[in-house]
Amino acid sequence: MQERRTGEEETDEADSQKFENYGLFPFSMVYRDTKSPQIELPDHVHDWHELVYVHGGHGTFFIQHTIYDMRAGDLFVLPANTIHRALPDQDRPVTSTALFFGPALLLTAVYDDGYSLSGLLETGVYRFRLDERLQRLYEIELARMAEEDRERRPGYRTAQWLSLHTLLHETNRIVRAAIGEAAGPGANAGPSWLDAVLNGLEGDTEPDMRHTLSSLADLAGVSPAHLSRVFRRKTGMSVTDYLTMRRIVKAKNCCRHRTIKSSGSRSNAASKACPTFTAASRSMSG
């Protein structure tokens, strides 16, 4: 173990502590932050939901198995345990606000049949391109939440909670109409063989243990070295790190739900995965 930690390691540890120490109000925000490619956070997963609103700039966002482009007015919705990595443009880095919140903040009384604030997190869509009205709403509410966080007046947490629910509610209302446009990958997706590899991994219901750099290169019809170079350039992470994070997410889901039957080889393998990935999950989760 090195005596001196890198900036990314220190940031990961700070984020982990940040998510663990919020008690009854699991909420945090990073307001109007501009990151260059050199200081962007590493790929990560965490147990909180995350909203990322783009104020300006350009970049790409690798989420689960798709590469999206980022531009002003985009909203990225990242449910808990979603693999993601933002890649800012070198010349025009993205300025964005990130909201992190635990599932407990979504618990509220239901007044409309079939309507839930968590609906936005259950669509399977990660990017929404907001219209001008919603862009103005996000700019106003995010500025208000940041002001409440700075001034810490009595009731500031309630104010932030209300603003969060306002954003989720208003966005939920346009989700159904927006899904068709939002679901498509960004202009920076590809090449086609990389899309095929990522989509194949996402649709594979078996554990990722059998996948390696060599096996994926064979699937893509390219050399392992070429796959490694292109994968890192397009997603911002190595093939090995991506496969490891997918395994961690699957193991965490196994440990959380405990719904697998006690018999069968898959059950036994999944049960063993829970303790196996504990250490790796702590080191790679934010």
C-alpha atoms as a PDB file:
ATOM      1  CA  MET A   1       0.000   0.000   0.000  1.00  0.00           C
ATOM      2  CA  GLN A   2       1.394   3.383  -1.001  1.00  0.00           C
ATOM      3  CA  GLU A   3       2.052   5.933   1.698  1.00  0.00           C
ATOM      4  CA  ARG A   4       0.773   8.784  -0.398  1.00  0.00           C
ATOM      5  CA  ARG A   5      -2.661   8.512  -1.936  1.00  0.00           C
ATOM      6  CA  THR A   6      -3.623  10.030  -5.257  1.00  0.00           C
ATOM      7  CA  GLY A   7      -6.212  12.778  -5.520  1.00  0.00           C
ATOM      8  CA  GLU A   8      -8.717  10.315  -6.989  1.00  0.00           C
ATOM      9  CA  GLU A   9      -8.273   7.942  -4.045  1.00  0.00           C
ATOM     10  CA  GLU A  10      -8.757  10.753  -1.564  1.00  0.00           C
ATOM     11  CA  THR A  11     -11.874  11.909  -3.410  1.00  0.00           C
ATOM     12  CA  ASP A  12     -13.304   8.374  -3.488  1.00  0.00           C
ATOM     13  CA  GLU A  13     -12.782   8.025   0.270  1.00  0.00           C
ATOM     14  CA  ALA A  14     -14.350  11.423   0.929  1.00  0.00           C
ATOM     15  CA  ASP A  15     -17.374  10.516  -1.215  1.00  0.00           C
ATOM     16  CA  SER A  16     -17.784   7.207   0.616  1.00  0.00           C
ATOM     17  CA  GLN A  17     -17.693   8.944   3.984  1.00  0.00           C
ATOM     18  CA  LYS A  18     -20.034  11.631   2.694  1.00  0.00           C
ATOM     19  CA  PHE A  19     -22.654   9.032   1.742  1.00  0.00           C
ATOM     20  CA  GLU A  20     -22.351   7.244   5.074  1.00  0.00           C
ATOM     21  CA  ASN A  21     -22.641  10.195   7.450  1.00  0.00           C
ATOM     22  CA  TYR A  22     -25.926  11.873   6.500  1.00  0.00           C
ATOM     23  CA  GLY A  23     -28.189   9.983   8.893  1.00  0.00           C
ATOM     24  CA  LEU A  24     -31.865  10.801   8.506  1.00  0.00           C
ATOM     25  CA  PHE A  25     -31.288  13.207   5.606  1.00  0.00           C
ATOM     26  CA  PRO A  26     -29.377  11.277   2.921  1.00  0.00           C
ATOM     27  CA  PHE A  27     -28.734  14.146   0.520  1.00  0.00           C
ATOM     28  CA  SER A  28     -25.717  15.907  -0.935  1.00  0.00           C
ATOM     29  CA  MET A  29     -25.085  18.194  -3.887  1.00  0.00           C
ATOM     30  CA  VAL A  30     -22.171  19.502  -5.937  1.00  0.00           C
ATOM     31  CA  TYR A  31     -23.300  22.798  -7.473  1.00  0.00           C
ATOM     32  CA  ARG A  32     -22.090  24.147 -10.853  1.00  0.00           C
ATOM     33  CA  ASP A  33     -18.846  22.182 -10.854  1.00  0.00           C
ATOM     34  CA  THR A  34     -16.499  22.310 -13.837  1.00  0.00           C
ATOM     35  CA  LYS A  35     -14.059  19.451 -14.216  1.00  0.00           C
ATOM     36  CA  SER A  36     -11.280  18.940 -16.731  1.00  0.00           C
ATOM     37  CA  PRO A  37     -10.445  15.436 -18.006  1.00  0.00           C
ATOM     38  CA  GLN A  38      -7.436  15.434 -15.680  1.00  0.00           C
ATOM     39  CA  ILE A  39      -9.468  15.827 -12.466  1.00  0.00           C
ATOM     40  CA  GLU A  40     -12.694  14.064 -13.391  1.00  0.00           C
ATOM     41  CA  LEU A  41     -13.814  11.459 -10.870  1.00  0.00           C
ATOM     42  CA  PRO A  42     -13.057   7.838 -11.764  1.00  0.00           C
ATOM     43  CA  ASP A  43     -15.749   5.390 -12.797  1.00  0.00           C
ATOM     44  CA  HIS A  44     -17.853   4.448  -9.812  1.00  0.00           C
ATOM     45  CA  VAL A  45     -21.093   3.065  -8.422  1.00  0.00           C
ATOM     46  CA  HIS A  46     -22.884   3.906  -5.183  1.00  0.00           C
ATOM     47  CA  ASP A  47     -26.069   3.119  -3.275  1.00  0.00           C
ATOM     48  CA  TRP A  48     -27.625   6.570  -3.717  1.00  0.00           C
ATOM     49  CA  HIS A  49     -29.613   7.863  -6.675  1.00  0.00           C
ATOM     50  CA  GLU A  50     -28.016  10.684  -8.650  1.00  0.00           C
ATOM     51  CA  LEU A  51     -29.277  13.462 -10.928  1.00  0.00           C
ATOM     52  CA  VAL A  52     -26.774  15.339 -13.084  1.00  0.00           C
ATOM     53  CA  TYR A  53     -27.916  18.557 -14.776  1.00  0.00           C
ATOM     54  CA  VAL A  54     -25.649  20.087 -17.435  1.00  0.00           C
ATOM     55  CA  HIS A  55     -25.410  23.893 -17.368  1.00  0.00           C
ATOM     56  CA  GLY A  56     -22.928  24.169 -20.235  1.00  0.00           C
ATOM     57  CA  GLY A  57     -19.919  22.718 -21.996  1.00  0.00           C
ATOM     58  CA  HIS A  58     -19.489  19.430 -23.797  1.00  0.00           C
ATOM     59  CA  GLY A  59     -18.409  15.896 -23.032  1.00  0.00           C
ATOM     60  CA  THR A  60     -19.519  12.285 -23.035  1.00  0.00           C
ATOM     61  CA  PHE A  61     -21.140  10.157 -20.349  1.00  0.00           C
ATOM     62  CA  PHE A  62     -20.642   6.388 -20.258  1.00  0.00           C
ATOM     63  CA  ILE A  63     -23.597   4.841 -18.391  1.00  0.00           C
ATOM     64  CA  GLN A  64     -24.019   1.073 -17.931  1.00  0.00           C
ATOM     65  CA  HIS A  65     -23.409   0.054 -21.560  1.00  0.00           C
ATOM     66  CA  THR A  66     -24.096   3.181 -23.628  1.00  0.00           C
ATOM     67  CA  ILE A  67     -22.087   6.299 -24.459  1.00  0.00           C
ATOM     68  CA  TYR A  68     -24.073   9.565 -24.435  1.00  0.00           C
ATOM     69  CA  ASP A  69     -23.029  13.027 -25.476  1.00  0.00           C
ATOM     70  CA  MET A  70     -23.472  15.830 -22.915  1.00  0.00           C
ATOM     71  CA  ARG A  71     -24.682  19.350 -23.666  1.00  0.00           C
ATOM     72  CA  ALA A  72     -26.450  22.220 -21.948  1.00  0.00           C
ATOM     73  CA  GLY A  73     -29.956  21.361 -20.787  1.00  0.00           C
ATOM     74  CA  ASP A  74     -29.340  17.624 -20.478  1.00  0.00           C
ATOM     75  CA  LEU A  75     -30.514  15.781 -17.383  1.00  0.00           C
ATOM     76  CA  PHE A  76     -28.897  12.438 -16.541  1.00  0.00           C
ATOM     77  CA  VAL A  77     -30.827  10.141 -14.216  1.00  0.00           C
ATOM     78  CA  LEU A  78     -28.679   7.529 -12.463  1.00  0.00           C
ATOM     79  CA  PRO A  79     -30.493   5.067 -10.192  1.00  0.00           C
ATOM     80  CA  ALA A  80     -28.517   3.502  -7.356  1.00  0.00           C
ATOM     81  CA  ASN A  81     -25.790   1.048  -8.406  1.00  0.00           C
ATOM     82  CA  THR A  82     -25.547   2.357 -11.958  1.00  0.00           C
ATOM     83  CA  ILE A  83     -22.043   2.203 -13.465  1.00  0.00           C
ATOM     84  CA  HIS A  84     -21.117   5.620 -14.834  1.00  0.00           C
ATOM     85  CA  ARG A  85     -18.179   7.766 -15.859  1.00  0.00           C
ATOM     86  CA  ALA A  86     -18.231  11.353 -17.201  1.00  0.00           C
ATOM     87  CA  LEU A  87     -15.611  12.436 -19.737  1.00  0.00           C
ATOM     88  CA  PRO A  88     -15.398  16.250 -20.105  1.00  0.00           C
ATOM     89  CA  ASP A  89     -14.316  17.800 -23.390  1.00  0.00           C
ATOM     90  CA  GLN A  90     -10.705  18.986 -23.358  1.00  0.00           C
ATOM     91  CA  ASP A  91     -11.486  22.466 -24.731  1.00  0.00           C
ATOM     92  CA  ARG A  92     -15.023  23.029 -23.423  1.00  0.00           C
ATOM     93  CA  PRO A  93     -15.394  20.998 -20.203  1.00  0.00           C
ATOM     94  CA  VAL A  94     -18.845  20.389 -18.812  1.00  0.00           C
ATOM     95  CA  THR A  95     -20.232  22.520 -15.987  1.00  0.00           C
ATOM     96  CA  SER A  96     -22.851  20.522 -14.119  1.00  0.00           C
ATOM     97  CA  THR A  97     -24.715  20.105 -10.849  1.00  0.00           C
ATOM     98  CA  ALA A  98     -24.988  16.675  -9.243  1.00  0.00           C
ATOM     99  CA  LEU A  99     -27.649  15.764  -6.689  1.00  0.00           C
ATOM    100  CA  PHE A 100     -27.104  12.628  -4.602  1.00  0.00           C
ATOM    101  CA  PHE A 101     -29.981  11.283  -2.525  1.00  0.00           C
ATOM    102  CA  GLY A 102     -30.870   8.092  -0.732  1.00  0.00           C
ATOM    103  CA  PRO A 103     -34.062   6.136  -1.534  1.00  0.00           C
ATOM    104  CA  ALA A 104     -35.516   7.202   1.840  1.00  0.00           C
ATOM    105  CA  LEU A 105     -36.060  10.738   0.516  1.00  0.00           C
ATOM    106  CA  LEU A 106     -38.525   9.389  -2.038  1.00  0.00           C
ATOM    107  CA  LEU A 107     -40.834   7.904   0.592  1.00  0.00           C
ATOM    108  CA  THR A 108     -44.004   9.956   0.749  1.00  0.00           C
ATOM    109  CA  ALA A 109     -47.752   9.533   0.789  1.00  0.00           C
ATOM    110  CA  VAL A 110     -49.387   8.560  -2.519  1.00  0.00           C
ATOM    111  CA  TYR A 111     -52.243  10.870  -3.518  1.00  0.00           C
ATOM    112  CA  ASP A 112     -52.617   9.853  -7.178  1.00  0.00           C
ATOM    113  CA  ASP A 113     -53.224   6.301  -8.330  1.00  0.00           C
ATOM    114  CA  GLY A 114     -50.303   4.878 -10.273  1.00  0.00           C
ATOM    115  CA  TYR A 115     -48.083   7.915  -9.685  1.00  0.00           C
ATOM    116  CA  SER A 116     -44.771   7.858  -7.853  1.00  0.00           C
ATOM    117  CA  LEU A 117     -41.831  10.226  -7.596  1.00  0.00           C
ATOM    118  CA  SER A 118     -39.553   7.252  -8.128  1.00  0.00           C
ATOM    119  CA  GLY A 119     -41.042   6.711 -11.586  1.00  0.00           C
ATOM    120  CA  LEU A 120     -38.279   8.769 -13.152  1.00  0.00           C
ATOM    121  CA  LEU A 121     -35.734   6.286 -11.786  1.00  0.00           C
ATOM    122  CA  GLU A 122     -37.571   3.246 -13.132  1.00  0.00           C
ATOM    123  CA  THR A 123     -37.824   4.050 -16.842  1.00  0.00           C
ATOM    124  CA  GLY A 124     -34.472   2.580 -17.879  1.00  0.00           C
ATOM    125  CA  VAL A 125     -33.722   5.903 -19.598  1.00  0.00           C
ATOM    126  CA  TYR A 126     -30.620   7.735 -18.431  1.00  0.00           C
ATOM    127  CA  ARG A 127     -30.643  10.970 -20.448  1.00  0.00           C
ATOM    128  CA  PHE A 128     -33.424  13.507 -20.900  1.00  0.00           C
ATOM    129  CA  ARG A 129     -33.078  16.633 -23.001  1.00  0.00           C
ATOM    130  CA  LEU A 130     -35.179  19.185 -21.154  1.00  0.00           C
ATOM    131  CA  ASP A 131     -37.295  21.848 -22.806  1.00  0.00           C
ATOM    132  CA  GLU A 132     -36.738  25.523 -22.008  1.00  0.00           C
ATOM    133  CA  ARG A 133     -39.350  25.607 -19.254  1.00  0.00           C
ATOM    134  CA  LEU A 134     -37.769  22.701 -17.377  1.00  0.00           C
ATOM    135  CA  GLN A 135     -34.273  24.101 -17.926  1.00  0.00           C
ATOM    136  CA  ARG A 136     -35.347  27.353 -16.244  1.00  0.00           C
ATOM    137  CA  LEU A 137     -36.943  25.365 -13.409  1.00  0.00           C
ATOM    138  CA  TYR A 138     -33.749  23.370 -12.828  1.00  0.00           C
ATOM    139  CA  GLU A 139     -31.584  26.505 -12.855  1.00  0.00           C
ATOM    140  CA  ILE A 140     -33.884  28.172 -10.279  1.00  0.00           C
ATOM    141  CA  GLU A 141     -34.359  25.196  -7.961  1.00  0.00           C
ATOM    142  CA  LEU A 142     -30.699  24.140  -8.029  1.00  0.00           C
ATOM    143  CA  ALA A 143     -29.599  27.687  -7.197  1.00  0.00           C
ATOM    144  CA  ARG A 144     -32.122  27.727  -4.348  1.00  0.00           C
ATOM    145  CA  MET A 145     -30.844  24.396  -2.996  1.00  0.00           C
ATOM    146  CA  ALA A 146     -27.241  25.644  -3.127  1.00  0.00           C
ATOM    147  CA  GLU A 147     -28.221  28.829  -1.282  1.00  0.00           C
ATOM    148  CA  GLU A 148     -29.980  26.818   1.408  1.00  0.00           C
ATOM    149  CA  ASP A 149     -26.879  24.662   1.755  1.00  0.00           C
ATOM    150  CA  ARG A 150     -24.644  27.726   2.184  1.00  0.00           C
ATOM    151  CA  GLU A 151     -26.818  29.691   4.615  1.00  0.00           C
ATOM    152  CA  ARG A 152     -28.094  26.766   6.709  1.00  0.00           C
ATOM    153  CA  ARG A 153     -31.129  28.661   7.982  1.00  0.00           C
ATOM    154  CA  PRO A 154     -33.707  26.811  10.117  1.00  0.00           C
ATOM    155  CA  GLY A 155     -35.531  24.359   7.915  1.00  0.00           C
ATOM    156  CA  TYR A 156     -32.906  24.333   5.147  1.00  0.00           C
ATOM    157  CA  ARG A 157     -33.099  20.571   4.792  1.00  0.00           C
ATOM    158  CA  THR A 158     -36.863  20.736   4.372  1.00  0.00           C
ATOM    159  CA  ALA A 159     -36.354  23.402   1.705  1.00  0.00           C
ATOM    160  CA  GLN A 160     -33.893  21.195  -0.152  1.00  0.00           C
ATOM    161  CA  TRP A 161     -36.260  18.234   0.150  1.00  0.00           C
ATOM    162  CA  LEU A 162     -39.108  20.300  -1.306  1.00  0.00           C
ATOM    163  CA  SER A 163     -36.942  21.481  -4.213  1.00  0.00           C
ATOM    164  CA  LEU A 164     -35.836  17.921  -4.950  1.00  0.00           C
ATOM    165  CA  HIS A 165     -39.434  16.729  -4.994  1.00  0.00           C
ATOM    166  CA  THR A 166     -40.420  19.654  -7.222  1.00  0.00           C
ATOM    167  CA  LEU A 167     -37.757  18.693  -9.784  1.00  0.00           C
ATOM    168  CA  LEU A 168     -38.661  14.997  -9.677  1.00  0.00           C
ATOM    169  CA  HIS A 169     -42.384  15.772  -9.942  1.00  0.00           C
ATOM    170  CA  GLU A 170     -42.102  18.172 -12.879  1.00  0.00           C
ATOM    171  CA  THR A 171     -39.695  15.889 -14.728  1.00  0.00           C
ATOM    172  CA  ASN A 172     -41.909  12.858 -14.101  1.00  0.00           C
ATOM    173  CA  ARG A 173     -44.750  14.617 -15.855  1.00  0.00           C
ATOM    174  CA  ILE A 174     -42.893  14.781 -19.168  1.00  0.00           C
ATOM    175  CA  VAL A 175     -41.134  11.405 -18.925  1.00  0.00           C
ATOM    176  CA  ARG A 176     -43.542   9.410 -21.091  1.00  0.00           C
ATOM    177  CA  ALA A 177     -43.391  11.902 -23.929  1.00  0.00           C
ATOM    178  CA  ALA A 178     -39.608  12.221 -23.661  1.00  0.00           C
ATOM    179  CA  ILE A 179     -38.633   8.544 -23.556  1.00  0.00           C
ATOM    180  CA  GLY A 180     -38.629   8.054 -27.318  1.00  0.00           C
ATOM    181  CA  GLU A 181     -36.076  10.813 -27.952  1.00  0.00           C
ATOM    182  CA  ALA A 182     -34.066  10.313 -24.767  1.00  0.00           C
ATOM    183  CA  ALA A 183     -33.405   6.606 -25.140  1.00  0.00           C
ATOM    184  CA  GLY A 184     -31.127   6.838 -28.158  1.00  0.00           C
ATOM    185  CA  PRO A 185     -27.349   6.881 -27.765  1.00  0.00           C
ATOM    186  CA  GLY A 186     -25.398  10.067 -28.308  1.00  0.00           C
ATOM    187  CA  ALA A 187     -23.529  11.063 -31.435  1.00  0.00           C
ATOM    188  CA  ASN A 188     -20.306   9.714 -29.927  1.00  0.00           C
ATOM    189  CA  ALA A 189     -21.516   6.119 -29.600  1.00  0.00           C
ATOM    190  CA  GLY A 190     -19.714   3.386 -31.450  1.00  0.00           C
ATOM    191  CA  PRO A 191     -17.930   1.918 -33.266  1.00  0.00           C
ATOM    192  CA  SER A 192     -20.566  -0.675 -34.054  1.00  0.00           C
ATOM    193  CA  TRP A 193     -18.495  -3.608 -32.779  1.00  0.00           C
ATOM    194  CA  LEU A 194     -18.061  -1.844 -29.406  1.00  0.00           C
ATOM    195  CA  ASP A 195     -21.813  -1.213 -29.207  1.00  0.00           C
ATOM    196  CA  ALA A 196     -22.359  -4.917 -29.913  1.00  0.00           C
ATOM    197  CA  VAL A 197     -19.997  -5.931 -27.104  1.00  0.00           C
ATOM    198  CA  LEU A 198     -21.617  -3.564 -24.575  1.00  0.00           C
ATOM    199  CA  ASN A 199     -25.158  -4.495 -25.565  1.00  0.00           C
ATOM    200  CA  GLY A 200     -24.232  -8.173 -25.405  1.00  0.00           C
ATOM    201  CA  LEU A 201     -22.886  -7.791 -21.876  1.00  0.00           C
ATOM    202  CA  GLU A 202     -25.964  -5.866 -20.783  1.00  0.00           C
ATOM    203  CA  GLY A 203     -28.320  -8.520 -22.146  1.00  0.00           C
ATOM    204  CA  ASP A 204     -26.361 -11.428 -20.693  1.00  0.00           C
ATOM    205  CA  THR A 205     -28.197 -12.802 -17.658  1.00  0.00           C
ATOM    206  CA  GLU A 206     -25.307 -15.060 -16.673  1.00  0.00           C
ATOM    207  CA  PRO A 207     -22.572 -13.899 -14.290  1.00  0.00           C
ATOM    208  CA  ASP A 208     -19.729 -11.975 -15.962  1.00  0.00           C
ATOM    209  CA  MET A 209     -17.101 -14.349 -14.582  1.00  0.00           C
ATOM    210  CA  ARG A 210     -16.631 -16.030 -17.954  1.00  0.00           C
ATOM    211  CA  HIS A 211     -15.914 -12.764 -19.772  1.00  0.00           C
ATOM    212  CA  THR A 212     -12.315 -11.640 -20.275  1.00  0.00           C
ATOM    213  CA  LEU A 213     -10.553  -9.135 -22.497  1.00  0.00           C
ATOM    214  CA  SER A 214      -9.633 -11.945 -24.910  1.00  0.00           C
ATOM    215  CA  SER A 215     -13.143 -13.410 -25.077  1.00  0.00           C
ATOM    216  CA  LEU A 216     -14.696 -10.004 -25.711  1.00  0.00           C
ATOM    217  CA  ALA A 217     -12.094  -9.262 -28.389  1.00  0.00           C
ATOM    218  CA  ASP A 218     -13.029 -12.530 -30.103  1.00  0.00           C
ATOM    219  CA  LEU A 219     -16.693 -11.519 -29.921  1.00  0.00           C
ATOM    220  CA  ALA A 220     -15.919  -8.137 -31.474  1.00  0.00           C
ATOM    221  CA  GLY A 221     -13.593  -9.542 -34.118  1.00  0.00           C
ATOM    222  CA  VAL A 222     -10.683  -7.284 -33.138  1.00  0.00           C
ATOM    223  CA  SER A 223      -7.430  -7.777 -31.280  1.00  0.00           C
ATOM    224  CA  PRO A 224      -7.377  -7.510 -27.453  1.00  0.00           C
ATOM    225  CA  ALA A 225      -4.991  -4.552 -27.683  1.00  0.00           C
ATOM    226  CA  HIS A 226      -7.298  -2.679 -30.073  1.00  0.00           C
ATOM    227  CA  LEU A 227     -10.360  -3.417 -27.944  1.00  0.00           C
ATOM    228  CA  SER A 228      -8.532  -2.201 -24.847  1.00  0.00           C
ATOM    229  CA  ARG A 229      -7.462   1.079 -26.487  1.00  0.00           C
ATOM    230  CA  VAL A 230     -10.853   1.893 -27.995  1.00  0.00           C
ATOM    231  CA  PHE A 231     -12.794   0.843 -24.898  1.00  0.00           C
ATOM    232  CA  ARG A 232     -10.749   3.138 -22.649  1.00  0.00           C
ATOM    233  CA  ARG A 233     -10.946   6.043 -25.097  1.00  0.00           C
ATOM    234  CA  LYS A 234     -14.725   5.767 -25.501  1.00  0.00           C
ATOM    235  CA  THR A 235     -15.749   4.888 -21.933  1.00  0.00           C
ATOM    236  CA  GLY A 236     -12.956   6.295 -19.769  1.00  0.00           C
ATOM    237  CA  MET A 237     -12.295   2.982 -18.018  1.00  0.00           C
ATOM    238  CA  SER A 238     -10.490  -0.262 -18.709  1.00  0.00           C
ATOM    239  CA  VAL A 239     -12.271  -3.447 -19.753  1.00  0.00           C
ATOM    240  CA  THR A 240     -11.148  -5.120 -16.526  1.00  0.00           C
ATOM    241  CA  ASP A 241     -12.505  -2.307 -14.327  1.00  0.00           C
ATOM    242  CA  TYR A 242     -15.830  -2.348 -16.191  1.00  0.00           C
ATOM    243  CA  LEU A 243     -16.243  -6.118 -15.760  1.00  0.00           C
ATOM    244  CA  THR A 244     -15.275  -5.858 -12.085  1.00  0.00           C
ATOM    245  CA  MET A 245     -17.861  -3.149 -11.459  1.00  0.00           C
ATOM    246  CA  ARG A 246     -20.564  -5.186 -13.174  1.00  0.00           C
ATOM    247  CA  ARG A 247     -19.725  -8.121 -10.910  1.00  0.00           C
ATOM    248  CA  ILE A 248     -19.884  -5.875  -7.852  1.00  0.00           C
ATOM    249  CA  VAL A 249     -23.327  -4.569  -8.821  1.00  0.00           C
ATOM    250  CA  LYS A 250     -24.624  -8.111  -9.346  1.00  0.00           C
ATOM    251  CA  ALA A 251     -23.172  -9.263  -6.028  1.00  0.00           C
ATOM    252  CA  LYS A 252     -24.686  -6.278  -4.192  1.00  0.00           C
ATOM    253  CA  ASN A 253     -28.097  -7.016  -5.705  1.00  0.00           C
ATOM    254  CA  CYS A 254     -27.738 -10.653  -4.652  1.00  0.00           C
ATOM    255  CA  CYS A 255     -26.875  -9.701  -1.092  1.00  0.00           C
ATOM    256  CA  ARG A 256     -29.645  -7.098  -0.916  1.00  0.00           C
ATOM    257  CA  HIS A 257     -32.580  -9.089  -2.174  1.00  0.00           C
ATOM    258  CA  ARG A 258     -31.708 -12.651  -1.093  1.00  0.00           C
ATOM    259  CA  THR A 259     -34.454 -13.988  -3.331  1.00  0.00           C
ATOM    260  CA  ILE A 260     -32.453 -16.725  -5.058  1.00  0.00           C
ATOM    261  CA  LYS A 261     -33.555 -20.270  -4.319  1.00  0.00           C
ATOM    262  CA  SER A 262     -31.285 -22.299  -2.087  1.00  0.00           C
ATOM    263  CA  SER A 263     -30.779 -25.057  -4.698  1.00  0.00           C
ATOM    264  CA  GLY A 264     -29.025 -24.909  -8.051  1.00  0.00           C
ATOM    265  CA  SER A 265     -25.502 -24.083  -9.152  1.00  0.00           C
ATOM    266  CA  ARG A 266     -26.348 -20.483 -10.019  1.00  0.00           C
ATOM    267  CA  SER A 267     -27.721 -19.907  -6.529  1.00  0.00           C
ATOM    268  CA  ASN A 268     -24.610 -21.344  -4.922  1.00  0.00           C
ATOM    269  CA  ALA A 269     -22.338 -19.215  -7.096  1.00  0.00           C
ATOM    270  CA  ALA A 270     -24.348 -16.105  -6.393  1.00  0.00           C
ATOM    271  CA  SER A 271     -24.403 -16.779  -2.662  1.00  0.00           C
ATOM    272  CA  LYS A 272     -20.633 -17.175  -2.618  1.00  0.00           C
ATOM    273  CA  ALA A 273     -20.302 -13.915  -4.556  1.00  0.00           C
ATOM    274  CA  CYS A 274     -21.619 -11.844  -1.640  1.00  0.00           C
ATOM    275  CA  PRO A 275     -18.603 -12.136   0.693  1.00  0.00           C
ATOM    276  CA  THR A 276     -16.200 -12.462  -2.237  1.00  0.00           C
ATOM    277  CA  PHE A 277     -16.876  -8.976  -3.543  1.00  0.00           C
ATOM    278  CA  THR A 278     -17.187  -7.129  -0.238  1.00  0.00           C
ATOM    279  CA  ALA A 279     -13.627  -5.813  -0.261  1.00  0.00           C
ATOM    280  CA  ALA A 280     -13.727  -4.922  -3.941  1.00  0.00           C
ATOM    281  CA  SER A 281     -17.041  -3.138  -3.508  1.00  0.00           C
ATOM    282  CA  ARG A 282     -15.670  -0.995  -0.709  1.00  0.00           C
ATOM    283  CA  SER A 283     -12.690   0.045  -2.791  1.00  0.00           C
ATOM    284  CA  MET A 284     -14.572   0.849  -6.012  1.00  0.00           C
ATOM    285  CA  SER A 285     -17.922   2.165  -4.770  1.00  0.00           C
ATOM    286  CA  GLY A 286     -18.417   5.837  -4.125  1.00  0.00           C
END
